[in-house]
Amino acid sequence: MSKSTDDRGRIYLPKDVRERFGDQYRIVELPGHVALFPVDDDPVEGLREAVGDAFAGTDVGDLTAEIREKIDDEVANESEERP
């Protein structure tokens, strides 16, 4: 699929894509391209679906706190890198 941005830099995703993957995406800049990754409404459930029982027995509260801390660190690092 190929899409262009409008004059404000927006990309419009087709309805069928939004219905399959949702309305929120994480934009990841890679050396040769940009990728969009859907953001789950429930990130813990999304993680469980992605990794199966790898976190079985892990407290959801502890896991959530760790995830939020990593996200906060990532956002802070991105902010420091911007001019």
PDB file of N, CA and C in Angstrom:
ATOM      1  N   MET A   1       0.841  -1.165   0.000  1.00  0.00           N
ATOM      2  CA  MET A   1       0.000   0.000   0.000  1.00  0.00           C
ATOM      3  C   MET A   1       0.894   1.238   0.000  1.00  0.00           C
ATOM      4  N   SER A   2       0.536   2.201  -0.769  1.00  0.00           N
ATOM      5  CA  SER A   2       1.289   3.439  -0.846  1.00  0.00           C
ATOM      6  C   SER A   2       0.365   4.605  -0.520  1.00  0.00           C
ATOM      7  N   LYS A   3       0.825   5.487   0.345  1.00  0.00           N
ATOM      8  CA  LYS A   3       0.039   6.663   0.733  1.00  0.00           C
ATOM      9  C   LYS A   3       0.952   7.878   0.731  1.00  0.00           C
ATOM     10  N   SER A   4       0.384   9.025   0.450  1.00  0.00           N
ATOM     11  CA  SER A   4       1.124  10.288   0.490  1.00  0.00           C
ATOM     12  C   SER A   4       0.580  11.142   1.624  1.00  0.00           C
ATOM     13  N   THR A   5       1.396  12.053   2.092  1.00  0.00           N
ATOM     14  CA  THR A   5       0.925  12.965   3.126  1.00  0.00           C
ATOM     15  C   THR A   5       0.202  14.137   2.473  1.00  0.00           C
ATOM     16  N   ASP A   6      -0.688  14.765   3.239  1.00  0.00           N
ATOM     17  CA  ASP A   6      -1.331  15.970   2.736  1.00  0.00           C
ATOM     18  C   ASP A   6      -0.440  17.167   3.050  1.00  0.00           C
ATOM     19  N   ASP A   7      -0.922  18.375   2.790  1.00  0.00           N
ATOM     20  CA  ASP A   7      -0.098  19.566   2.990  1.00  0.00           C
ATOM     21  C   ASP A   7       0.259  19.826   4.450  1.00  0.00           C
ATOM     22  N   ARG A   8      -0.402  19.133   5.378  1.00  0.00           N
ATOM     23  CA  ARG A   8      -0.087  19.271   6.805  1.00  0.00           C
ATOM     24  C   ARG A   8       0.687  18.065   7.331  1.00  0.00           C
ATOM     25  N   GLY A   9       1.085  17.132   6.439  1.00  0.00           N
ATOM     26  CA  GLY A   9       1.882  15.990   6.847  1.00  0.00           C
ATOM     27  C   GLY A   9       1.088  14.806   7.352  1.00  0.00           C
ATOM     28  N   ARG A  10      -0.219  14.820   7.163  1.00  0.00           N
ATOM     29  CA  ARG A  10      -1.071  13.736   7.658  1.00  0.00           C
ATOM     30  C   ARG A  10      -1.157  12.608   6.637  1.00  0.00           C
ATOM     31  N   ILE A  11      -1.263  11.402   7.152  1.00  0.00           N
ATOM     32  CA  ILE A  11      -1.479  10.221   6.327  1.00  0.00           C
ATOM     33  C   ILE A  11      -2.846   9.661   6.711  1.00  0.00           C
ATOM     34  N   TYR A  12      -3.659   9.392   5.730  1.00  0.00           N
ATOM     35  CA  TYR A  12      -4.971   8.819   5.980  1.00  0.00           C
ATOM     36  C   TYR A  12      -4.922   7.331   5.698  1.00  0.00           C
ATOM     37  N   LEU A  13      -5.274   6.539   6.717  1.00  0.00           N
ATOM     38  CA  LEU A  13      -5.305   5.093   6.569  1.00  0.00           C
ATOM     39  C   LEU A  13      -6.699   4.662   6.128  1.00  0.00           C
ATOM     40  N   PRO A  14      -6.766   3.701   5.218  1.00  0.00           N
ATOM     41  CA  PRO A  14      -8.077   3.223   4.763  1.00  0.00           C
ATOM     42  C   PRO A  14      -8.893   2.638   5.923  1.00  0.00           C
ATOM     43  N   LYS A  15     -10.200   2.677   5.768  1.00  0.00           N
ATOM     44  CA  LYS A  15     -11.114   2.203   6.805  1.00  0.00           C
ATOM     45  C   LYS A  15     -10.826   0.759   7.196  1.00  0.00           C
ATOM     46  N   ASP A  16     -10.540  -0.106   6.212  1.00  0.00           N
ATOM     47  CA  ASP A  16     -10.306  -1.513   6.535  1.00  0.00           C
ATOM     48  C   ASP A  16      -9.050  -1.692   7.391  1.00  0.00           C
ATOM     49  N   VAL A  17      -8.047  -0.848   7.199  1.00  0.00           N
ATOM     50  CA  VAL A  17      -6.831  -0.904   8.025  1.00  0.00           C
ATOM     51  C   VAL A  17      -7.153  -0.459   9.444  1.00  0.00           C
ATOM     52  N   ARG A  18      -7.891   0.632   9.573  1.00  0.00           N
ATOM     53  CA  ARG A  18      -8.264   1.124  10.904  1.00  0.00           C
ATOM     54  C   ARG A  18      -9.128   0.107  11.636  1.00  0.00           C
ATOM     55  N   GLU A  19     -10.034  -0.567  10.918  1.00  0.00           N
ATOM     56  CA  GLU A  19     -10.881  -1.572  11.552  1.00  0.00           C
ATOM     57  C   GLU A  19     -10.071  -2.767  12.036  1.00  0.00           C
ATOM     58  N   ARG A  20      -9.026  -3.147  11.299  1.00  0.00           N
ATOM     59  CA  ARG A  20      -8.198  -4.292  11.690  1.00  0.00           C
ATOM     60  C   ARG A  20      -7.235  -3.955  12.810  1.00  0.00           C
ATOM     61  N   PHE A  21      -6.628  -2.746  12.753  1.00  0.00           N
ATOM     62  CA  PHE A  21      -5.530  -2.429  13.663  1.00  0.00           C
ATOM     63  C   PHE A  21      -5.832  -1.320  14.660  1.00  0.00           C
ATOM     64  N   GLY A  22      -6.922  -0.612  14.519  1.00  0.00           N
ATOM     65  CA  GLY A  22      -7.268   0.457  15.445  1.00  0.00           C
ATOM     66  C   GLY A  22      -6.859   1.825  14.948  1.00  0.00           C
ATOM     67  N   ASP A  23      -7.030   2.810  15.834  1.00  0.00           N
ATOM     68  CA  ASP A  23      -6.803   4.208  15.463  1.00  0.00           C
ATOM     69  C   ASP A  23      -5.539   4.812  16.055  1.00  0.00           C
ATOM     70  N   GLN A  24      -4.822   4.070  16.899  1.00  0.00           N
ATOM     71  CA  GLN A  24      -3.610   4.610  17.517  1.00  0.00           C
ATOM     72  C   GLN A  24      -2.405   3.795  17.083  1.00  0.00           C
ATOM     73  N   TYR A  25      -1.338   4.513  16.740  1.00  0.00           N
ATOM     74  CA  TYR A  25      -0.119   3.866  16.248  1.00  0.00           C
ATOM     75  C   TYR A  25       1.106   4.503  16.863  1.00  0.00           C
ATOM     76  N   ARG A  26       2.110   3.715  17.025  1.00  0.00           N
ATOM     77  CA  ARG A  26       3.433   4.191  17.446  1.00  0.00           C
ATOM     78  C   ARG A  26       4.241   4.360  16.173  1.00  0.00           C
ATOM     79  N   ILE A  27       4.852   5.515  15.990  1.00  0.00           N
ATOM     80  CA  ILE A  27       5.695   5.779  14.828  1.00  0.00           C
ATOM     81  C   ILE A  27       7.127   5.471  15.220  1.00  0.00           C
ATOM     82  N   VAL A  28       7.769   4.581  14.485  1.00  0.00           N
ATOM     83  CA  VAL A  28       9.141   4.186  14.778  1.00  0.00           C
ATOM     84  C   VAL A  28      10.017   4.567  13.597  1.00  0.00           C
ATOM     85  N   GLU A  29      11.021   5.385  13.878  1.00  0.00           N
ATOM     86  CA  GLU A  29      11.970   5.790  12.849  1.00  0.00           C
ATOM     87  C   GLU A  29      13.130   4.804  12.831  1.00  0.00           C
ATOM     88  N   LEU A  30      13.342   4.181  11.695  1.00  0.00           N
ATOM     89  CA  LEU A  30      14.434   3.241  11.498  1.00  0.00           C
ATOM     90  C   LEU A  30      15.414   3.845  10.503  1.00  0.00           C
ATOM     91  N   PRO A  31      16.622   3.290  10.383  1.00  0.00           N
ATOM     92  CA  PRO A  31      17.612   3.905   9.488  1.00  0.00           C
ATOM     93  C   PRO A  31      17.127   4.122   8.053  1.00  0.00           C
ATOM     94  N   GLY A  32      16.375   3.173   7.509  1.00  0.00           N
ATOM     95  CA  GLY A  32      15.976   3.303   6.115  1.00  0.00           C
ATOM     96  C   GLY A  32      14.512   3.562   5.866  1.00  0.00           C
ATOM     97  N   HIS A  33      13.706   3.602   6.920  1.00  0.00           N
ATOM     98  CA  HIS A  33      12.280   3.805   6.729  1.00  0.00           C
ATOM     99  C   HIS A  33      11.581   4.132   8.048  1.00  0.00           C
ATOM    100  N   VAL A  34      10.299   4.414   7.947  1.00  0.00           N
ATOM    101  CA  VAL A  34       9.449   4.690   9.105  1.00  0.00           C
ATOM    102  C   VAL A  34       8.404   3.583   9.159  1.00  0.00           C
ATOM    103  N   ALA A  35       8.108   3.099  10.361  1.00  0.00           N
ATOM    104  CA  ALA A  35       7.111   2.036  10.524  1.00  0.00           C
ATOM    105  C   ALA A  35       6.032   2.482  11.499  1.00  0.00           C
ATOM    106  N   LEU A  36       4.814   2.035  11.258  1.00  0.00           N
ATOM    107  CA  LEU A  36       3.698   2.278  12.167  1.00  0.00           C
ATOM    108  C   LEU A  36       3.351   0.971  12.860  1.00  0.00           C
ATOM    109  N   PHE A  37       3.250   1.013  14.192  1.00  0.00           N
ATOM    110  CA  PHE A  37       2.873  -0.163  14.964  1.00  0.00           C
ATOM    111  C   PHE A  37       1.609   0.164  15.746  1.00  0.00           C
ATOM    112  N   PRO A  38       0.570  -0.656  15.615  1.00  0.00           N
ATOM    113  CA  PRO A  38      -0.664  -0.387  16.355  1.00  0.00           C
ATOM    114  C   PRO A  38      -0.418  -0.412  17.859  1.00  0.00           C
ATOM    115  N   VAL A  39      -1.098   0.469  18.570  1.00  0.00           N
ATOM    116  CA  VAL A  39      -1.034   0.519  20.026  1.00  0.00           C
ATOM    117  C   VAL A  39      -2.290  -0.145  20.550  1.00  0.00           C
ATOM    118  N   ASP A  40      -2.121  -1.155  21.384  1.00  0.00           N
ATOM    119  CA  ASP A  40      -3.260  -1.869  21.956  1.00  0.00           C
ATOM    120  C   ASP A  40      -3.994  -1.003  22.962  1.00  0.00           C
ATOM    121  N   ASP A  41      -5.323  -1.159  23.023  1.00  0.00           N
ATOM    122  CA  ASP A  41      -6.104  -0.470  24.048  1.00  0.00           C
ATOM    123  C   ASP A  41      -5.652  -0.907  25.430  1.00  0.00           C
ATOM    124  N   ASP A  42      -5.334  -2.182  25.574  1.00  0.00           N
ATOM    125  CA  ASP A  42      -4.833  -2.738  26.828  1.00  0.00           C
ATOM    126  C   ASP A  42      -3.438  -3.290  26.556  1.00  0.00           C
ATOM    127  N   PRO A  43      -2.383  -2.508  26.829  1.00  0.00           N
ATOM    128  CA  PRO A  43      -1.030  -2.941  26.486  1.00  0.00           C
ATOM    129  C   PRO A  43      -0.607  -4.229  27.179  1.00  0.00           C
ATOM    130  N   VAL A  44      -1.095  -4.479  28.379  1.00  0.00           N
ATOM    131  CA  VAL A  44      -0.731  -5.711  29.078  1.00  0.00           C
ATOM    132  C   VAL A  44      -1.325  -6.909  28.350  1.00  0.00           C
ATOM    133  N   GLU A  45      -2.586  -6.805  27.954  1.00  0.00           N
ATOM    134  CA  GLU A  45      -3.219  -7.894  27.215  1.00  0.00           C
ATOM    135  C   GLU A  45      -2.530  -8.093  25.867  1.00  0.00           C
ATOM    136  N   GLY A  46      -2.161  -6.996  25.209  1.00  0.00           N
ATOM    137  CA  GLY A  46      -1.443  -7.098  23.943  1.00  0.00           C
ATOM    138  C   GLY A  46      -0.108  -7.805  24.114  1.00  0.00           C
ATOM    139  N   LEU A  47       0.576  -7.515  25.205  1.00  0.00           N
ATOM    140  CA  LEU A  47       1.852  -8.169  25.489  1.00  0.00           C
ATOM    141  C   LEU A  47       1.640  -9.658  25.725  1.00  0.00           C
ATOM    142  N   ARG A  48       0.613  -9.988  26.482  1.00  0.00           N
ATOM    143  CA  ARG A  48       0.327 -11.403  26.745  1.00  0.00           C
ATOM    144  C   ARG A  48       0.022 -12.154  25.448  1.00  0.00           C
ATOM    145  N   GLU A  49      -0.733 -11.531  24.552  1.00  0.00           N
ATOM    146  CA  GLU A  49      -1.039 -12.168  23.279  1.00  0.00           C
ATOM    147  C   GLU A  49       0.225 -12.354  22.446  1.00  0.00           C
ATOM    148  N   ALA A  50       1.134 -11.397  22.536  1.00  0.00           N
ATOM    149  CA  ALA A  50       2.353 -11.455  21.731  1.00  0.00           C
ATOM    150  C   ALA A  50       3.352 -12.485  22.239  1.00  0.00           C
ATOM    151  N   VAL A  51       3.442 -12.667  23.553  1.00  0.00           N
ATOM    152  CA  VAL A  51       4.488 -13.543  24.103  1.00  0.00           C
ATOM    153  C   VAL A  51       3.951 -14.809  24.770  1.00  0.00           C
ATOM    154  N   GLY A  52       2.657 -14.997  24.723  1.00  0.00           N
ATOM    155  CA  GLY A  52       2.097 -16.207  25.321  1.00  0.00           C
ATOM    156  C   GLY A  52       2.239 -16.207  26.830  1.00  0.00           C
ATOM    157  N   ASP A  53       2.720 -17.318  27.375  1.00  0.00           N
ATOM    158  CA  ASP A  53       2.805 -17.434  28.833  1.00  0.00           C
ATOM    159  C   ASP A  53       4.188 -17.077  29.386  1.00  0.00           C
ATOM    160  N   ALA A  54       4.971 -16.320  28.636  1.00  0.00           N
ATOM    161  CA  ALA A  54       6.315 -15.951  29.089  1.00  0.00           C
ATOM    162  C   ALA A  54       6.290 -15.165  30.403  1.00  0.00           C
ATOM    163  N   PHE A  55       5.193 -14.478  30.677  1.00  0.00           N
ATOM    164  CA  PHE A  55       5.080 -13.702  31.906  1.00  0.00           C
ATOM    165  C   PHE A  55       4.082 -14.318  32.883  1.00  0.00           C
ATOM    166  N   ALA A  56       3.805 -15.589  32.716  1.00  0.00           N
ATOM    167  CA  ALA A  56       2.873 -16.256  33.630  1.00  0.00           C
ATOM    168  C   ALA A  56       3.401 -16.130  35.055  1.00  0.00           C
ATOM    169  N   GLY A  57       2.532 -15.790  35.963  1.00  0.00           N
ATOM    170  CA  GLY A  57       2.921 -15.639  37.358  1.00  0.00           C
ATOM    171  C   GLY A  57       3.463 -14.260  37.694  1.00  0.00           C
ATOM    172  N   THR A  58       3.638 -13.405  36.704  1.00  0.00           N
ATOM    173  CA  THR A  58       4.131 -12.052  36.934  1.00  0.00           C
ATOM    174  C   THR A  58       2.954 -11.159  37.311  1.00  0.00           C
ATOM    175  N   ASP A  59       3.120 -10.357  38.339  1.00  0.00           N
ATOM    176  CA  ASP A  59       2.073  -9.453  38.784  1.00  0.00           C
ATOM    177  C   ASP A  59       1.834  -8.371  37.734  1.00  0.00           C
ATOM    178  N   VAL A  60       0.579  -8.177  37.349  1.00  0.00           N
ATOM    179  CA  VAL A  60       0.234  -7.189  36.326  1.00  0.00           C
ATOM    180  C   VAL A  60       0.631  -5.783  36.769  1.00  0.00           C
ATOM    181  N   GLY A  61       0.447  -5.469  38.030  1.00  0.00           N
ATOM    182  CA  GLY A  61       0.826  -4.147  38.529  1.00  0.00           C
ATOM    183  C   GLY A  61       2.314  -3.887  38.392  1.00  0.00           C
ATOM    184  N   ASP A  62       3.132  -4.892  38.730  1.00  0.00           N
ATOM    185  CA  ASP A  62       4.588  -4.750  38.579  1.00  0.00           C
ATOM    186  C   ASP A  62       4.963  -4.594  37.120  1.00  0.00           C
ATOM    187  N   LEU A  63       4.343  -5.394  36.267  1.00  0.00           N
ATOM    188  CA  LEU A  63       4.634  -5.339  34.840  1.00  0.00           C
ATOM    189  C   LEU A  63       4.224  -3.990  34.254  1.00  0.00           C
ATOM    190  N   THR A  64       3.056  -3.506  34.635  1.00  0.00           N
ATOM    191  CA  THR A  64       2.573  -2.206  34.165  1.00  0.00           C
ATOM    192  C   THR A  64       3.512  -1.087  34.602  1.00  0.00           C
ATOM    193  N   ALA A  65       3.945  -1.114  35.854  1.00  0.00           N
ATOM    194  CA  ALA A  65       4.859  -0.087  36.363  1.00  0.00           C
ATOM    195  C   ALA A  65       6.174  -0.107  35.595  1.00  0.00           C
ATOM    196  N   GLU A  66       6.687  -1.295  35.311  1.00  0.00           N
ATOM    197  CA  GLU A  66       7.937  -1.415  34.562  1.00  0.00           C
ATOM    198  C   GLU A  66       7.777  -0.881  33.140  1.00  0.00           C
ATOM    199  N   ILE A  67       6.664  -1.201  32.507  1.00  0.00           N
ATOM    200  CA  ILE A  67       6.406  -0.722  31.150  1.00  0.00           C
ATOM    201  C   ILE A  67       6.318   0.797  31.135  1.00  0.00           C
ATOM    202  N   ARG A  68       5.583   1.364  32.083  1.00  0.00           N
ATOM    203  CA  ARG A  68       5.436   2.830  32.131  1.00  0.00           C
ATOM    204  C   ARG A  68       6.774   3.512  32.376  1.00  0.00           C
ATOM    205  N   GLU A  69       7.604   2.925  33.215  1.00  0.00           N
ATOM    206  CA  GLU A  69       8.927   3.492  33.489  1.00  0.00           C
ATOM    207  C   GLU A  69       9.775   3.489  32.215  1.00  0.00           C
ATOM    208  N   LYS A  70       9.739   2.403  31.479  1.00  0.00           N
ATOM    209  CA  LYS A  70      10.511   2.321  30.238  1.00  0.00           C
ATOM    210  C   LYS A  70       9.999   3.326  29.209  1.00  0.00           C
ATOM    211  N   ILE A  71       8.693   3.492  29.119  1.00  0.00           N
ATOM    212  CA  ILE A  71       8.124   4.471  28.194  1.00  0.00           C
ATOM    213  C   ILE A  71       8.549   5.878  28.599  1.00  0.00           C
ATOM    214  N   ASP A  72       8.478   6.193  29.896  1.00  0.00           N
ATOM    215  CA  ASP A  72       8.903   7.511  30.374  1.00  0.00           C
ATOM    216  C   ASP A  72      10.368   7.768  30.037  1.00  0.00           C
ATOM    217  N   ASP A  73      11.223   6.759  30.215  1.00  0.00           N
ATOM    218  CA  ASP A  73      12.643   6.896  29.886  1.00  0.00           C
ATOM    219  C   ASP A  73      12.835   7.139  28.393  1.00  0.00           C
ATOM    220  N   GLU A  74      12.080   6.409  27.577  1.00  0.00           N
ATOM    221  CA  GLU A  74      12.192   6.556  26.128  1.00  0.00           C
ATOM    222  C   GLU A  74      11.762   7.949  25.679  1.00  0.00           C
ATOM    223  N   VAL A  75      10.662   8.447  26.238  1.00  0.00           N
ATOM    224  CA  VAL A  75      10.190   9.778  25.903  1.00  0.00           C
ATOM    225  C   VAL A  75      11.213  10.822  26.335  1.00  0.00           C
ATOM    226  N   ALA A  76      11.785  10.672  27.518  1.00  0.00           N
ATOM    227  CA  ALA A  76      12.785  11.624  27.997  1.00  0.00           C
ATOM    228  C   ALA A  76      14.014  11.605  27.099  1.00  0.00           C
ATOM    229  N   ASN A  77      14.454  10.422  26.666  1.00  0.00           N
ATOM    230  CA  ASN A  77      15.607  10.331  25.776  1.00  0.00           C
ATOM    231  C   ASN A  77      15.318  10.970  24.423  1.00  0.00           C
ATOM    232  N   GLU A  78      14.111  10.767  23.892  1.00  0.00           N
ATOM    233  CA  GLU A  78      13.744  11.375  22.619  1.00  0.00           C
ATOM    234  C   GLU A  78      13.720  12.898  22.748  1.00  0.00           C
ATOM    235  N   SER A  79      13.228  13.391  23.883  1.00  0.00           N
ATOM    236  CA  SER A  79      13.165  14.848  24.092  1.00  0.00           C
ATOM    237  C   SER A  79      14.567  15.445  24.167  1.00  0.00           C
ATOM    238  N   GLU A  80      15.497  14.745  24.790  1.00  0.00           N
ATOM    239  CA  GLU A  80      16.872  15.235  24.903  1.00  0.00           C
ATOM    240  C   GLU A  80      17.579  15.263  23.556  1.00  0.00           C
ATOM    241  N   GLU A  81      17.212  14.355  22.653  1.00  0.00           N
ATOM    242  CA  GLU A  81      17.866  14.261  21.357  1.00  0.00           C
ATOM    243  C   GLU A  81      17.382  15.317  20.371  1.00  0.00           C
ATOM    244  N   ARG A  82      16.219  15.903  20.639  1.00  0.00           N
ATOM    245  CA  ARG A  82      15.673  16.912  19.710  1.00  0.00           C
ATOM    246  C   ARG A  82      16.400  18.227  19.909  1.00  0.00           C
ATOM    247  N   PRO A  83      16.614  18.938  18.800  1.00  0.00           N
ATOM    248  CA  PRO A  83      17.319  20.242  18.893  1.00  0.00           C
ATOM    249  C   PRO A  83      16.502  21.314  19.573  1.00  0.00           C
TER     250      PRO A  83
END
